[in-house]
């Protein structure tokens, strides 16, 4: 059972860290190339595809992380690494809920003034890379915990 939870913890974090650069590089580059009104039109039509991938990538991490921490609680270094991994993924979750969900909804609703789209998209992409970094660190911490 422990191996299954370790796999879920690392896989979920790593999947998120792996799939999100495609959004940042491929879609982000495309979005930045569009006029503001075209970007909002694109987001209005296609946001559902982005919102589908996040849960698939991140949801498996949380039961895996929680159970891996619980099962490794008695081992000091392992416990600290799992706590670090959980904190990274909790930060990913908080950023997603607090920043990305509302901003994606504003983009999709076309409620961002056209003169603010470029700046908001730039902030979106910058924070997106922070989220990727956190997930990558979380997956590395999980790998280190398993290797102890």
N, C-alpha and C. Protein backbone atom coordinates (compact mmCIF):
# COMPACT_ATOMS: atom_id res chain seq x y z
N UNK A 1 0.82 -1.20 0.00
CA UNK A 1 0.00 0.00 0.00
C UNK A 1 0.86 1.27 0.00
N UNK A 2 1.92 1.19 0.78
CA UNK A 2 2.80 2.37 0.88
C UNK A 2 3.36 2.75 -0.49
N UNK A 3 3.77 1.76 -1.26
CA UNK A 3 4.31 2.02 -2.59
C UNK A 3 3.27 2.71 -3.47
N UNK A 4 2.03 2.26 -3.41
CA UNK A 4 0.96 2.87 -4.20
C UNK A 4 0.80 4.35 -3.85
N UNK A 5 0.79 4.67 -2.56
CA UNK A 5 0.64 6.07 -2.16
C UNK A 5 1.86 6.90 -2.55
N UNK A 6 3.04 6.32 -2.42
CA UNK A 6 4.25 7.02 -2.86
C UNK A 6 4.19 7.33 -4.35
N UNK A 7 3.74 6.35 -5.12
CA UNK A 7 3.62 6.55 -6.58
C UNK A 7 2.62 7.66 -6.88
N UNK A 8 1.45 7.61 -6.23
CA UNK A 8 0.44 8.66 -6.45
C UNK A 8 0.98 10.04 -6.09
N UNK A 9 1.69 10.12 -4.98
CA UNK A 9 2.23 11.41 -4.53
C UNK A 9 3.20 11.99 -5.55
N UNK A 10 4.12 11.17 -5.97
CA UNK A 10 5.16 11.65 -6.90
C UNK A 10 4.58 11.83 -8.30
N UNK A 11 3.78 10.89 -8.74
CA UNK A 11 3.20 10.97 -10.07
C UNK A 11 2.30 12.20 -10.23
N UNK A 12 1.45 12.45 -9.24
CA UNK A 12 0.56 13.61 -9.32
C UNK A 12 1.34 14.92 -9.40
N UNK A 13 2.33 15.07 -8.54
CA UNK A 13 3.15 16.28 -8.56
C UNK A 13 3.93 16.41 -9.86
N UNK A 14 4.51 15.30 -10.30
CA UNK A 14 5.31 15.33 -11.53
C UNK A 14 4.44 15.52 -12.77
N UNK A 15 3.23 14.94 -12.78
CA UNK A 15 2.34 15.16 -13.92
C UNK A 15 2.00 16.64 -14.05
N UNK A 16 1.69 17.25 -12.93
CA UNK A 16 1.37 18.68 -12.97
C UNK A 16 2.57 19.47 -13.47
N UNK A 17 3.73 19.19 -12.89
CA UNK A 17 4.95 19.91 -13.30
C UNK A 17 5.29 19.62 -14.76
N UNK A 18 4.88 18.47 -15.27
CA UNK A 18 5.19 18.11 -16.64
C UNK A 18 4.23 18.68 -17.67
N UNK A 19 2.95 18.71 -17.35
CA UNK A 19 1.96 19.16 -18.33
C UNK A 19 1.84 20.69 -18.36
N UNK A 20 2.10 21.33 -17.28
CA UNK A 20 1.91 22.78 -17.21
C UNK A 20 2.89 23.58 -18.09
N UNK A 21 4.13 23.12 -18.30
CA UNK A 21 4.98 23.86 -19.23
C UNK A 21 4.42 23.91 -20.66
N UNK A 22 3.68 22.88 -21.05
CA UNK A 22 3.05 22.91 -22.38
C UNK A 22 2.09 24.08 -22.47
N UNK A 23 1.35 24.31 -21.39
CA UNK A 23 0.45 25.47 -21.37
C UNK A 23 1.27 26.75 -21.38
N UNK A 24 2.30 26.82 -20.55
CA UNK A 24 3.10 28.03 -20.45
C UNK A 24 3.85 28.38 -21.72
N UNK A 25 4.46 27.39 -22.33
CA UNK A 25 5.28 27.65 -23.52
C UNK A 25 4.43 27.70 -24.78
N UNK A 26 3.69 26.62 -25.02
CA UNK A 26 2.94 26.52 -26.27
C UNK A 26 1.77 27.49 -26.30
N UNK A 27 0.86 27.32 -25.35
CA UNK A 27 -0.31 28.21 -25.36
C UNK A 27 0.07 29.64 -24.97
N UNK A 28 0.94 29.77 -23.97
CA UNK A 28 1.34 31.12 -23.55
C UNK A 28 1.97 31.91 -24.67
N UNK A 29 2.85 31.26 -25.43
CA UNK A 29 3.46 31.93 -26.59
C UNK A 29 2.42 32.32 -27.63
N UNK A 30 1.50 31.41 -27.87
CA UNK A 30 0.42 31.70 -28.83
C UNK A 30 -0.45 32.84 -28.33
N UNK A 31 -0.85 32.77 -27.06
CA UNK A 31 -1.71 33.82 -26.50
C UNK A 31 -1.05 35.19 -26.60
N UNK A 32 0.23 35.25 -26.30
CA UNK A 32 0.93 36.53 -26.34
C UNK A 32 1.02 37.09 -27.76
N UNK A 33 0.92 36.22 -28.75
CA UNK A 33 1.00 36.67 -30.14
C UNK A 33 -0.33 37.24 -30.65
N UNK A 34 -1.39 37.01 -29.91
CA UNK A 34 -2.71 37.44 -30.35
C UNK A 34 -3.04 38.86 -29.90
N UNK A 35 -3.80 39.58 -30.68
CA UNK A 35 -4.37 40.83 -30.18
C UNK A 35 -5.27 40.51 -28.98
N UNK A 36 -5.42 41.46 -28.08
CA UNK A 36 -6.16 41.23 -26.84
C UNK A 36 -7.56 40.68 -27.09
N UNK A 37 -8.28 41.22 -28.03
CA UNK A 37 -9.65 40.75 -28.28
C UNK A 37 -9.66 39.32 -28.81
N UNK A 38 -8.68 38.97 -29.63
CA UNK A 38 -8.59 37.59 -30.14
C UNK A 38 -8.24 36.62 -29.02
N UNK A 39 -7.36 37.03 -28.12
CA UNK A 39 -7.02 36.19 -26.97
C UNK A 39 -8.26 35.93 -26.13
N UNK A 40 -9.02 36.95 -25.83
CA UNK A 40 -10.23 36.76 -25.03
C UNK A 40 -11.23 35.87 -25.75
N UNK A 41 -11.34 36.02 -27.06
CA UNK A 41 -12.22 35.13 -27.83
C UNK A 41 -11.74 33.68 -27.72
N UNK A 42 -10.41 33.48 -27.87
CA UNK A 42 -9.85 32.14 -27.76
C UNK A 42 -10.14 31.55 -26.40
N UNK A 43 -9.91 32.33 -25.35
CA UNK A 43 -10.10 31.84 -23.99
C UNK A 43 -11.57 31.51 -23.74
N UNK A 44 -12.46 32.34 -24.28
CA UNK A 44 -13.88 32.10 -24.14
C UNK A 44 -14.27 30.76 -24.77
N UNK A 45 -13.70 30.46 -25.89
CA UNK A 45 -14.03 29.23 -26.62
C UNK A 45 -13.33 27.98 -26.08
N UNK A 46 -12.16 28.14 -25.48
CA UNK A 46 -11.31 26.98 -25.18
C UNK A 46 -10.93 26.78 -23.72
N UNK A 47 -11.34 27.63 -22.83
CA UNK A 47 -10.96 27.52 -21.42
C UNK A 47 -11.29 26.15 -20.84
N UNK A 48 -12.36 25.55 -21.31
CA UNK A 48 -12.77 24.25 -20.76
C UNK A 48 -11.69 23.18 -20.93
N UNK A 49 -10.89 23.30 -21.96
CA UNK A 49 -9.83 22.31 -22.16
C UNK A 49 -8.73 22.46 -21.11
N UNK A 50 -8.44 23.67 -20.74
CA UNK A 50 -7.43 23.92 -19.71
C UNK A 50 -7.94 23.47 -18.35
N UNK A 51 -9.20 23.80 -18.05
CA UNK A 51 -9.73 23.44 -16.74
C UNK A 51 -9.88 21.93 -16.57
N UNK A 52 -9.93 21.19 -17.64
CA UNK A 52 -10.02 19.72 -17.54
C UNK A 52 -8.70 19.09 -17.16
N UNK A 53 -7.59 19.67 -17.58
CA UNK A 53 -6.30 19.02 -17.37
C UNK A 53 -5.77 19.20 -15.95
N UNK A 54 -6.07 20.30 -15.31
CA UNK A 54 -5.51 20.56 -13.98
C UNK A 54 -5.93 19.49 -12.97
N UNK A 55 -7.22 19.18 -12.83
CA UNK A 55 -7.57 18.14 -11.85
C UNK A 55 -6.97 16.77 -12.17
N UNK A 56 -6.91 16.42 -13.44
CA UNK A 56 -6.34 15.13 -13.83
C UNK A 56 -4.89 15.04 -13.37
N UNK A 57 -4.19 16.16 -13.48
CA UNK A 57 -2.77 16.16 -13.14
C UNK A 57 -2.51 16.28 -11.65
N UNK A 58 -3.35 17.02 -10.93
CA UNK A 58 -3.00 17.35 -9.55
C UNK A 58 -3.77 16.54 -8.50
N UNK A 59 -4.97 16.10 -8.79
CA UNK A 59 -5.78 15.40 -7.78
C UNK A 59 -5.10 14.14 -7.24
N UNK A 60 -4.48 13.30 -8.06
CA UNK A 60 -3.85 12.09 -7.50
C UNK A 60 -2.76 12.40 -6.47
N UNK A 61 -2.18 13.56 -6.54
CA UNK A 61 -1.09 13.88 -5.63
C UNK A 61 -1.55 13.94 -4.17
N UNK A 62 -2.73 14.49 -3.91
CA UNK A 62 -3.11 14.77 -2.53
C UNK A 62 -3.37 13.53 -1.68
N UNK A 63 -4.13 12.54 -2.14
CA UNK A 63 -4.23 11.33 -1.30
C UNK A 63 -2.89 10.62 -1.18
N UNK A 64 -2.12 10.64 -2.24
CA UNK A 64 -0.79 10.02 -2.19
C UNK A 64 0.11 10.72 -1.18
N UNK A 65 0.12 12.04 -1.22
CA UNK A 65 0.96 12.79 -0.28
C UNK A 65 0.51 12.59 1.16
N UNK A 66 -0.79 12.69 1.41
CA UNK A 66 -1.30 12.55 2.77
C UNK A 66 -1.00 11.16 3.34
N UNK A 67 -1.24 10.13 2.55
CA UNK A 67 -0.99 8.77 3.04
C UNK A 67 0.50 8.46 3.13
N UNK A 68 1.29 9.00 2.22
CA UNK A 68 2.74 8.80 2.31
C UNK A 68 3.29 9.46 3.57
N UNK A 69 2.80 10.63 3.89
CA UNK A 69 3.21 11.30 5.13
C UNK A 69 2.80 10.46 6.33
N UNK A 70 1.57 10.02 6.34
CA UNK A 70 1.06 9.25 7.46
C UNK A 70 1.86 7.96 7.64
N UNK A 71 2.11 7.26 6.55
CA UNK A 71 2.84 5.99 6.63
C UNK A 71 4.33 6.19 6.95
N UNK A 72 4.87 7.35 6.65
CA UNK A 72 6.27 7.62 6.93
C UNK A 72 6.48 8.54 8.12
N UNK A 73 5.44 8.72 8.92
CA UNK A 73 5.48 9.70 10.01
C UNK A 73 6.60 9.43 11.02
N UNK A 74 6.89 8.20 11.31
CA UNK A 74 7.88 7.87 12.33
C UNK A 74 9.32 8.09 11.90
N UNK A 75 9.52 8.35 10.64
CA UNK A 75 10.89 8.51 10.13
C UNK A 75 11.15 9.98 9.88
N UNK A 76 12.01 10.58 10.71
CA UNK A 76 12.21 12.02 10.73
C UNK A 76 12.53 12.68 9.41
N UNK A 77 13.56 12.23 8.71
CA UNK A 77 13.94 12.86 7.45
C UNK A 77 12.86 12.65 6.39
N UNK A 78 12.31 11.46 6.35
CA UNK A 78 11.25 11.17 5.39
C UNK A 78 10.03 12.04 5.67
N UNK A 79 9.67 12.16 6.94
CA UNK A 79 8.52 13.00 7.33
C UNK A 79 8.72 14.44 6.87
N UNK A 80 9.90 14.98 7.11
CA UNK A 80 10.17 16.37 6.73
C UNK A 80 10.07 16.56 5.21
N UNK A 81 10.56 15.59 4.46
CA UNK A 81 10.48 15.67 3.00
C UNK A 81 9.03 15.60 2.52
N UNK A 82 8.23 14.70 3.12
CA UNK A 82 6.82 14.62 2.72
C UNK A 82 6.07 15.90 3.10
N UNK A 83 6.40 16.46 4.25
CA UNK A 83 5.76 17.73 4.64
C UNK A 83 6.12 18.81 3.63
N UNK A 84 7.38 18.87 3.23
CA UNK A 84 7.79 19.84 2.21
C UNK A 84 7.05 19.64 0.90
N UNK A 85 6.89 18.38 0.48
CA UNK A 85 6.16 18.08 -0.75
C UNK A 85 4.71 18.51 -0.63
N UNK A 86 4.10 18.24 0.51
CA UNK A 86 2.71 18.65 0.73
C UNK A 86 2.59 20.17 0.70
N UNK A 87 3.50 20.86 1.33
CA UNK A 87 3.45 22.33 1.33
C UNK A 87 3.58 22.88 -0.08
N UNK A 88 4.44 22.29 -0.88
CA UNK A 88 4.58 22.72 -2.28
C UNK A 88 3.26 22.54 -3.03
N UNK A 89 2.66 21.38 -2.89
CA UNK A 89 1.42 21.11 -3.63
C UNK A 89 0.24 21.89 -3.06
N UNK A 90 0.25 22.18 -1.77
CA UNK A 90 -0.79 23.03 -1.20
C UNK A 90 -0.65 24.45 -1.77
N UNK A 91 0.58 24.92 -1.93
CA UNK A 91 0.79 26.23 -2.55
C UNK A 91 0.29 26.23 -3.99
N UNK A 92 0.50 25.13 -4.71
CA UNK A 92 -0.03 25.00 -6.07
C UNK A 92 -1.55 25.10 -6.04
N UNK A 93 -2.16 24.40 -5.11
CA UNK A 93 -3.62 24.41 -5.00
C UNK A 93 -4.14 25.81 -4.66
N UNK A 94 -3.49 26.46 -3.71
CA UNK A 94 -3.91 27.82 -3.32
C UNK A 94 -3.77 28.78 -4.50
N UNK A 95 -2.63 28.75 -5.18
CA UNK A 95 -2.45 29.61 -6.36
C UNK A 95 -3.52 29.34 -7.42
N UNK A 96 -3.81 28.06 -7.62
CA UNK A 96 -4.81 27.70 -8.62
C UNK A 96 -6.18 28.27 -8.25
N UNK A 97 -6.58 28.09 -7.00
CA UNK A 97 -7.90 28.54 -6.56
C UNK A 97 -7.97 30.06 -6.46
N UNK A 98 -6.95 30.67 -5.88
CA UNK A 98 -6.98 32.11 -5.61
C UNK A 98 -6.67 32.96 -6.85
N UNK A 99 -5.76 32.52 -7.69
CA UNK A 99 -5.33 33.34 -8.83
C UNK A 99 -5.91 32.84 -10.16
N UNK A 100 -5.67 31.56 -10.46
CA UNK A 100 -5.97 31.08 -11.81
C UNK A 100 -7.47 30.90 -12.06
N UNK A 101 -8.20 30.34 -11.13
CA UNK A 101 -9.63 30.15 -11.36
C UNK A 101 -10.33 31.48 -11.62
N UNK A 102 -10.15 32.50 -10.76
CA UNK A 102 -10.84 33.76 -11.03
C UNK A 102 -10.34 34.47 -12.30
N UNK A 103 -9.04 34.43 -12.55
CA UNK A 103 -8.53 35.09 -13.74
C UNK A 103 -8.93 34.37 -15.02
N UNK A 104 -8.94 33.04 -14.98
CA UNK A 104 -9.41 32.30 -16.14
C UNK A 104 -10.88 32.62 -16.40
N UNK A 105 -11.66 32.73 -15.34
CA UNK A 105 -13.08 33.06 -15.50
C UNK A 105 -13.24 34.46 -16.11
N UNK A 106 -12.41 35.39 -15.69
CA UNK A 106 -12.47 36.76 -16.25
C UNK A 106 -12.06 36.76 -17.72
N UNK A 107 -11.01 36.01 -18.05
CA UNK A 107 -10.61 35.90 -19.46
C UNK A 107 -11.75 35.27 -20.27
N UNK A 108 -12.30 34.18 -19.76
CA UNK A 108 -13.36 33.47 -20.49
C UNK A 108 -14.61 34.31 -20.65
N UNK A 109 -14.91 35.13 -19.65
CA UNK A 109 -16.09 36.00 -19.71
C UNK A 109 -15.82 37.28 -20.49
N UNK A 110 -14.58 37.44 -20.92
CA UNK A 110 -14.15 38.65 -21.65
C UNK A 110 -14.40 39.91 -20.84
N UNK A 111 -14.23 39.80 -19.52
CA UNK A 111 -14.49 40.94 -18.65
C UNK A 111 -13.23 41.74 -18.30
N UNK A 112 -12.10 41.35 -18.86
CA UNK A 112 -10.86 42.10 -18.66
C UNK A 112 -10.82 43.20 -19.72
N UNK A 113 -10.67 44.46 -19.29
CA UNK A 113 -10.55 45.53 -20.30
C UNK A 113 -9.40 45.24 -21.25
N UNK A 114 -9.60 45.51 -22.53
CA UNK A 114 -8.61 45.18 -23.55
C UNK A 114 -7.23 45.78 -23.26
N UNK A 115 -7.19 46.98 -22.68
CA UNK A 115 -5.89 47.60 -22.40
C UNK A 115 -5.18 46.95 -21.21
N UNK A 116 -5.85 46.05 -20.48
CA UNK A 116 -5.25 45.36 -19.34
C UNK A 116 -4.93 43.89 -19.62
N UNK A 117 -5.34 43.40 -20.78
CA UNK A 117 -5.17 41.99 -21.10
C UNK A 117 -3.70 41.59 -21.12
N UNK A 118 -2.88 42.36 -21.78
CA UNK A 118 -1.46 42.01 -21.92
C UNK A 118 -0.78 41.91 -20.55
N UNK A 119 -1.01 42.88 -19.69
CA UNK A 119 -0.38 42.87 -18.36
C UNK A 119 -0.90 41.70 -17.52
N UNK A 120 -2.20 41.46 -17.59
CA UNK A 120 -2.78 40.37 -16.80
C UNK A 120 -2.28 39.03 -17.33
N UNK A 121 -2.19 38.88 -18.63
CA UNK A 121 -1.66 37.64 -19.20
C UNK A 121 -0.19 37.45 -18.81
N UNK A 122 0.58 38.53 -18.82
CA UNK A 122 1.98 38.44 -18.38
C UNK A 122 2.08 37.98 -16.94
N UNK A 123 1.25 38.53 -16.07
CA UNK A 123 1.24 38.10 -14.67
C UNK A 123 0.79 36.65 -14.56
N UNK A 124 -0.22 36.28 -15.35
CA UNK A 124 -0.73 34.91 -15.35
C UNK A 124 0.40 33.94 -15.69
N UNK A 125 1.15 34.26 -16.73
CA UNK A 125 2.24 33.37 -17.15
C UNK A 125 3.37 33.32 -16.13
N UNK A 126 3.70 34.44 -15.52
CA UNK A 126 4.76 34.46 -14.51
C UNK A 126 4.37 33.61 -13.30
N UNK A 127 3.15 33.77 -12.82
CA UNK A 127 2.69 32.99 -11.67
C UNK A 127 2.53 31.52 -12.06
N UNK A 128 2.19 31.27 -13.30
CA UNK A 128 2.10 29.90 -13.81
C UNK A 128 3.45 29.19 -13.65
N UNK A 129 4.55 29.89 -13.96
CA UNK A 129 5.89 29.29 -13.83
C UNK A 129 6.25 29.05 -12.37
N UNK A 130 5.76 29.89 -11.48
CA UNK A 130 5.96 29.65 -10.04
C UNK A 130 5.26 28.36 -9.64
N UNK A 131 4.05 28.20 -10.14
CA UNK A 131 3.26 27.00 -9.85
C UNK A 131 3.97 25.75 -10.39
N UNK A 132 4.54 25.83 -11.56
CA UNK A 132 5.29 24.70 -12.13
C UNK A 132 6.50 24.38 -11.26
N UNK A 133 7.22 25.41 -10.84
CA UNK A 133 8.39 25.21 -9.98
C UNK A 133 8.02 24.54 -8.66
N UNK A 134 6.93 24.97 -8.07
CA UNK A 134 6.48 24.37 -6.81
C UNK A 134 6.15 22.89 -7.01
N UNK A 135 5.46 22.56 -8.08
CA UNK A 135 5.12 21.16 -8.34
C UNK A 135 6.37 20.33 -8.60
N UNK A 136 7.32 20.90 -9.32
CA UNK A 136 8.58 20.18 -9.58
C UNK A 136 9.33 19.93 -8.28
N UNK A 137 9.42 20.93 -7.44
CA UNK A 137 10.09 20.75 -6.14
C UNK A 137 9.34 19.71 -5.31
N UNK A 138 8.01 19.77 -5.33
CA UNK A 138 7.22 18.77 -4.59
C UNK A 138 7.50 17.36 -5.05
N UNK A 139 7.61 17.17 -6.35
CA UNK A 139 7.88 15.81 -6.85
C UNK A 139 9.31 15.37 -6.49
N UNK A 140 10.26 16.27 -6.55
CA UNK A 140 11.63 15.92 -6.16
C UNK A 140 11.69 15.58 -4.67
N UNK A 141 10.99 16.34 -3.85
CA UNK A 141 10.97 16.04 -2.41
C UNK A 141 10.35 14.65 -2.16
N UNK A 142 9.31 14.32 -2.93
CA UNK A 142 8.73 12.97 -2.81
C UNK A 142 9.72 11.88 -3.20
N UNK A 143 10.44 12.12 -4.27
CA UNK A 143 11.46 11.13 -4.69
C UNK A 143 12.53 10.98 -3.62
N UNK A 144 12.96 12.08 -3.04
CA UNK A 144 13.96 12.02 -1.98
C UNK A 144 13.42 11.29 -0.76
N UNK A 145 12.14 11.52 -0.43
CA UNK A 145 11.53 10.82 0.72
C UNK A 145 11.50 9.32 0.49
N UNK A 146 11.16 8.90 -0.71
CA UNK A 146 11.09 7.47 -1.03
C UNK A 146 12.49 6.85 -1.02
N UNK A 147 13.48 7.63 -1.40
CA UNK A 147 14.84 7.08 -1.47
C UNK A 147 15.53 6.98 -0.12
N UNK A 148 14.92 7.48 0.93
CA UNK A 148 15.51 7.42 2.29
C UNK A 148 15.39 6.04 2.86
